[in-house]
N, C-alpha and C. Protein backbone atom coordinates (compact mmCIF):
# COMPACT_ATOMS: atom_id res chain seq x y z
N MET A 1 28.54 -19.84 30.79
CA MET A 1 27.72 -19.41 29.68
C MET A 1 26.48 -20.29 29.60
N ILE A 2 25.38 -19.64 29.27
CA ILE A 2 24.15 -20.40 29.06
C ILE A 2 23.68 -20.16 27.63
N GLN A 3 22.91 -21.10 27.12
CA GLN A 3 22.40 -20.98 25.76
C GLN A 3 20.89 -20.79 25.80
N LEU A 4 20.42 -19.93 24.92
CA LEU A 4 18.99 -19.66 24.80
C LEU A 4 18.56 -19.91 23.36
N ASP A 5 17.44 -20.55 23.20
CA ASP A 5 16.83 -20.70 21.88
C ASP A 5 15.79 -19.61 21.72
N VAL A 6 15.96 -18.79 20.70
CA VAL A 6 15.05 -17.66 20.48
C VAL A 6 14.55 -17.70 19.04
N HIS A 7 13.52 -16.90 18.79
CA HIS A 7 12.95 -16.79 17.45
C HIS A 7 12.86 -15.31 17.08
N ILE A 8 13.37 -15.00 15.91
CA ILE A 8 13.28 -13.65 15.37
C ILE A 8 12.65 -13.77 13.98
N MET A 9 11.50 -13.19 13.82
CA MET A 9 10.73 -13.27 12.57
C MET A 9 10.55 -14.72 12.12
N GLY A 10 10.26 -15.59 13.08
CA GLY A 10 9.99 -16.98 12.77
C GLY A 10 11.22 -17.84 12.56
N GLN A 11 12.39 -17.25 12.60
CA GLN A 11 13.65 -17.97 12.41
C GLN A 11 14.23 -18.32 13.78
N SER A 12 14.70 -19.55 13.95
CA SER A 12 15.26 -20.00 15.23
C SER A 12 16.75 -19.67 15.30
N TYR A 13 17.18 -19.21 16.47
CA TYR A 13 18.59 -18.92 16.72
C TYR A 13 18.94 -19.44 18.11
N THR A 14 20.14 -19.96 18.25
CA THR A 14 20.67 -20.34 19.56
C THR A 14 21.72 -19.30 19.91
N LEU A 15 21.50 -18.61 21.02
CA LEU A 15 22.39 -17.54 21.46
C LEU A 15 23.00 -17.91 22.80
N ALA A 16 24.18 -17.41 23.06
CA ALA A 16 24.85 -17.66 24.34
C ALA A 16 25.03 -16.34 25.07
N CYS A 17 24.94 -16.41 26.39
CA CYS A 17 25.19 -15.24 27.22
C CYS A 17 25.67 -15.70 28.58
N ARG A 18 26.17 -14.77 29.34
CA ARG A 18 26.60 -15.08 30.71
C ARG A 18 25.38 -15.29 31.58
N GLU A 19 25.57 -16.07 32.60
CA GLU A 19 24.49 -16.31 33.54
C GLU A 19 24.08 -14.97 34.16
N GLY A 20 22.79 -14.74 34.25
CA GLY A 20 22.28 -13.49 34.79
C GLY A 20 21.99 -12.44 33.72
N GLU A 21 22.49 -12.67 32.50
CA GLU A 21 22.25 -11.73 31.41
C GLU A 21 21.14 -12.19 30.48
N ASP A 22 20.54 -13.34 30.82
CA ASP A 22 19.54 -13.93 29.93
C ASP A 22 18.29 -13.07 29.79
N LYS A 23 17.87 -12.43 30.87
CA LYS A 23 16.66 -11.61 30.80
C LYS A 23 16.88 -10.41 29.87
N ALA A 24 18.03 -9.78 29.98
CA ALA A 24 18.34 -8.64 29.11
C ALA A 24 18.43 -9.08 27.65
N LEU A 25 19.02 -10.25 27.41
CA LEU A 25 19.12 -10.75 26.05
C LEU A 25 17.74 -11.06 25.48
N LEU A 26 16.89 -11.68 26.28
CA LEU A 26 15.53 -11.98 25.82
C LEU A 26 14.74 -10.70 25.54
N ASN A 27 14.95 -9.68 26.36
CA ASN A 27 14.29 -8.38 26.11
C ASN A 27 14.79 -7.77 24.80
N ALA A 28 16.10 -7.89 24.55
CA ALA A 28 16.67 -7.36 23.31
C ALA A 28 16.12 -8.12 22.10
N VAL A 29 16.01 -9.44 22.22
CA VAL A 29 15.46 -10.26 21.14
C VAL A 29 14.02 -9.85 20.86
N ALA A 30 13.23 -9.67 21.91
CA ALA A 30 11.83 -9.28 21.74
C ALA A 30 11.72 -7.91 21.06
N TYR A 31 12.58 -6.98 21.46
CA TYR A 31 12.56 -5.64 20.88
C TYR A 31 12.95 -5.68 19.41
N LEU A 32 14.01 -6.42 19.10
CA LEU A 32 14.45 -6.56 17.71
C LEU A 32 13.38 -7.25 16.86
N ASN A 33 12.80 -8.31 17.40
CA ASN A 33 11.75 -9.02 16.68
C ASN A 33 10.59 -8.09 16.36
N GLU A 34 10.20 -7.28 17.33
CA GLU A 34 9.10 -6.33 17.12
C GLU A 34 9.45 -5.34 16.02
N LYS A 35 10.66 -4.78 16.07
CA LYS A 35 11.09 -3.81 15.05
C LYS A 35 11.06 -4.45 13.67
N MET A 36 11.63 -5.65 13.57
CA MET A 36 11.72 -6.31 12.26
C MET A 36 10.34 -6.69 11.73
N CYS A 37 9.45 -7.12 12.60
CA CYS A 37 8.10 -7.49 12.16
C CYS A 37 7.32 -6.26 11.69
N VAL A 38 7.49 -5.14 12.36
CA VAL A 38 6.82 -3.90 11.94
C VAL A 38 7.31 -3.50 10.55
N ILE A 39 8.62 -3.59 10.34
CA ILE A 39 9.19 -3.25 9.04
C ILE A 39 8.69 -4.22 7.97
N ARG A 40 8.71 -5.51 8.28
CA ARG A 40 8.23 -6.52 7.33
C ARG A 40 6.76 -6.30 6.99
N ASP A 41 5.96 -6.00 8.01
CA ASP A 41 4.52 -5.85 7.81
C ASP A 41 4.15 -4.56 7.08
N SER A 42 5.10 -3.64 6.99
CA SER A 42 4.82 -2.41 6.23
C SER A 42 4.72 -2.72 4.74
N ALA A 43 5.15 -3.92 4.35
CA ALA A 43 5.05 -4.43 2.98
C ALA A 43 5.87 -3.65 1.97
N LYS A 44 6.71 -2.75 2.44
CA LYS A 44 7.55 -2.00 1.52
C LYS A 44 8.90 -2.70 1.31
N ILE A 45 9.30 -3.50 2.27
CA ILE A 45 10.62 -4.12 2.21
C ILE A 45 10.45 -5.63 2.13
N LYS A 46 11.18 -6.22 1.22
CA LYS A 46 11.18 -7.67 1.09
C LYS A 46 12.60 -8.16 1.32
N GLY A 47 12.74 -9.29 1.92
CA GLY A 47 14.06 -9.86 2.17
C GLY A 47 14.51 -9.61 3.59
N THR A 48 14.87 -10.68 4.25
CA THR A 48 15.27 -10.58 5.65
C THR A 48 16.49 -9.69 5.83
N ASP A 49 17.43 -9.74 4.90
CA ASP A 49 18.63 -8.92 5.04
C ASP A 49 18.30 -7.43 4.99
N ARG A 50 17.40 -7.04 4.13
CA ARG A 50 17.01 -5.63 4.04
C ARG A 50 16.22 -5.21 5.28
N ILE A 51 15.38 -6.09 5.77
CA ILE A 51 14.63 -5.80 7.00
C ILE A 51 15.60 -5.63 8.15
N ALA A 52 16.62 -6.49 8.22
CA ALA A 52 17.62 -6.41 9.29
C ALA A 52 18.40 -5.09 9.21
N VAL A 53 18.74 -4.65 8.00
CA VAL A 53 19.46 -3.38 7.84
C VAL A 53 18.60 -2.23 8.32
N MET A 54 17.33 -2.22 7.95
CA MET A 54 16.44 -1.14 8.38
C MET A 54 16.25 -1.14 9.90
N ALA A 55 16.12 -2.33 10.48
CA ALA A 55 15.99 -2.43 11.93
C ALA A 55 17.27 -1.94 12.61
N ALA A 56 18.42 -2.31 12.05
CA ALA A 56 19.69 -1.86 12.61
C ALA A 56 19.81 -0.34 12.55
N LEU A 57 19.41 0.26 11.44
CA LEU A 57 19.43 1.72 11.33
C LEU A 57 18.51 2.37 12.35
N SER A 58 17.35 1.80 12.52
CA SER A 58 16.40 2.33 13.50
C SER A 58 16.97 2.25 14.91
N LEU A 59 17.54 1.10 15.25
CA LEU A 59 18.12 0.92 16.59
C LEU A 59 19.34 1.81 16.79
N ALA A 60 20.17 1.96 15.77
CA ALA A 60 21.34 2.82 15.88
C ALA A 60 20.93 4.27 16.08
N THR A 61 19.88 4.68 15.39
CA THR A 61 19.38 6.04 15.54
C THR A 61 18.89 6.27 16.96
N GLU A 62 18.15 5.31 17.49
CA GLU A 62 17.68 5.42 18.88
C GLU A 62 18.85 5.50 19.85
N LEU A 63 19.85 4.66 19.64
CA LEU A 63 21.02 4.64 20.52
C LEU A 63 21.77 5.96 20.46
N LEU A 64 22.02 6.45 19.26
CA LEU A 64 22.75 7.70 19.12
C LEU A 64 21.99 8.88 19.73
N ALA A 65 20.69 8.85 19.61
CA ALA A 65 19.88 9.94 20.17
C ALA A 65 19.96 9.96 21.68
N THR A 66 20.12 8.80 22.30
CA THR A 66 20.20 8.76 23.76
C THR A 66 21.62 8.91 24.27
N LYS A 67 22.62 8.54 23.47
CA LYS A 67 24.01 8.58 23.91
C LYS A 67 24.61 9.97 23.87
N SER A 68 24.36 10.70 22.82
CA SER A 68 25.07 11.95 22.61
C SER A 68 24.10 13.12 22.54
N PRO A 69 24.11 13.97 23.56
CA PRO A 69 23.22 15.12 23.51
C PRO A 69 23.59 16.11 22.40
N GLU A 70 24.79 15.97 21.84
CA GLU A 70 25.20 16.86 20.76
C GLU A 70 25.36 16.11 19.44
N GLY A 71 24.75 14.94 19.36
CA GLY A 71 24.85 14.13 18.15
C GLY A 71 24.02 14.71 17.02
N PRO A 72 24.10 14.09 15.85
CA PRO A 72 23.41 14.64 14.68
C PRO A 72 21.89 14.64 14.79
N LEU A 73 21.34 13.86 15.69
CA LEU A 73 19.88 13.80 15.83
C LEU A 73 19.40 14.36 17.17
N SER A 74 20.31 14.95 17.92
CA SER A 74 19.96 15.36 19.28
C SER A 74 18.88 16.43 19.34
N GLY A 75 18.83 17.30 18.37
CA GLY A 75 17.85 18.38 18.41
C GLY A 75 16.53 18.03 17.75
N LEU A 76 16.39 16.80 17.31
CA LEU A 76 15.18 16.41 16.59
C LEU A 76 14.15 15.77 17.50
N SER A 77 12.91 15.98 17.18
CA SER A 77 11.84 15.29 17.89
C SER A 77 11.78 13.85 17.39
N MET A 78 11.05 13.00 18.09
CA MET A 78 10.93 11.61 17.67
C MET A 78 10.28 11.52 16.29
N ALA A 79 9.33 12.40 16.01
CA ALA A 79 8.69 12.41 14.69
C ALA A 79 9.70 12.75 13.60
N GLU A 80 10.59 13.69 13.89
CA GLU A 80 11.62 14.05 12.92
C GLU A 80 12.62 12.92 12.71
N VAL A 81 12.96 12.22 13.80
CA VAL A 81 13.85 11.06 13.69
C VAL A 81 13.20 9.99 12.83
N LYS A 82 11.91 9.74 13.07
CA LYS A 82 11.20 8.75 12.27
C LYS A 82 11.19 9.15 10.80
N GLN A 83 11.03 10.43 10.54
CA GLN A 83 11.05 10.91 9.15
C GLN A 83 12.42 10.68 8.52
N LYS A 84 13.47 10.92 9.30
CA LYS A 84 14.83 10.65 8.79
C LYS A 84 15.00 9.18 8.46
N ILE A 85 14.48 8.31 9.33
CA ILE A 85 14.58 6.86 9.09
C ILE A 85 13.82 6.50 7.82
N LEU A 86 12.63 7.05 7.65
CA LEU A 86 11.86 6.78 6.43
C LEU A 86 12.60 7.26 5.19
N SER A 87 13.27 8.38 5.31
CA SER A 87 14.06 8.90 4.20
C SER A 87 15.21 7.96 3.88
N MET A 88 15.89 7.44 4.93
CA MET A 88 16.96 6.47 4.72
C MET A 88 16.40 5.21 4.06
N HIS A 89 15.22 4.80 4.50
CA HIS A 89 14.57 3.63 3.92
C HIS A 89 14.34 3.82 2.44
N ASP A 90 13.81 4.98 2.06
CA ASP A 90 13.55 5.25 0.65
C ASP A 90 14.84 5.25 -0.16
N THR A 91 15.90 5.83 0.41
CA THR A 91 17.19 5.85 -0.28
C THR A 91 17.72 4.44 -0.48
N LEU A 92 17.65 3.63 0.58
CA LEU A 92 18.09 2.23 0.47
C LEU A 92 17.24 1.47 -0.53
N ASP A 93 15.95 1.70 -0.49
CA ASP A 93 15.04 1.01 -1.40
C ASP A 93 15.39 1.31 -2.85
N LEU A 94 15.65 2.57 -3.15
CA LEU A 94 16.02 2.95 -4.51
C LEU A 94 17.35 2.33 -4.93
N ALA A 95 18.28 2.24 -3.98
CA ALA A 95 19.59 1.69 -4.31
C ALA A 95 19.57 0.17 -4.44
N LEU A 96 18.77 -0.51 -3.64
CA LEU A 96 18.79 -1.97 -3.62
C LEU A 96 17.80 -2.63 -4.56
N THR A 97 16.75 -1.94 -4.95
CA THR A 97 15.73 -2.56 -5.81
C THR A 97 16.31 -3.10 -7.11
N PRO A 98 17.17 -2.36 -7.82
CA PRO A 98 17.73 -2.93 -9.05
C PRO A 98 18.54 -4.21 -8.82
N GLN A 99 19.14 -4.35 -7.64
CA GLN A 99 19.94 -5.53 -7.35
C GLN A 99 19.08 -6.76 -7.12
N GLU A 100 17.83 -6.59 -6.74
CA GLU A 100 16.96 -7.74 -6.50
C GLU A 100 16.78 -8.56 -7.77
N ASN A 101 16.82 -7.92 -8.91
CA ASN A 101 16.65 -8.63 -10.17
C ASN A 101 17.85 -9.50 -10.52
N LEU A 102 18.98 -9.27 -9.86
CA LEU A 102 20.17 -10.06 -10.13
C LEU A 102 20.09 -11.44 -9.52
N PHE A 103 19.26 -11.60 -8.51
CA PHE A 103 19.19 -12.88 -7.81
C PHE A 103 17.89 -13.51 -8.11
């Protein structure tokens, strides 16, 4: 196992992977960092945990669209998938905004 020091949205993480898998892990970190920064920079979402949830939903949607030709998003264009993600974002935003006042 090898350890890599990476940064996601300015936060440092030490990750471990098998030898030879480091390039794939670094590519995944870069992709996740890009997704999270785009979400953060949209200025609609505050809080790293909420940004991470939105990024996870986006990545899961991409994965499901490529994995299953008969999945729930298989017949949608990328624009329609993005619209679904935005709709999920709005739903999450409405549900989580009242909780922000608790902390």
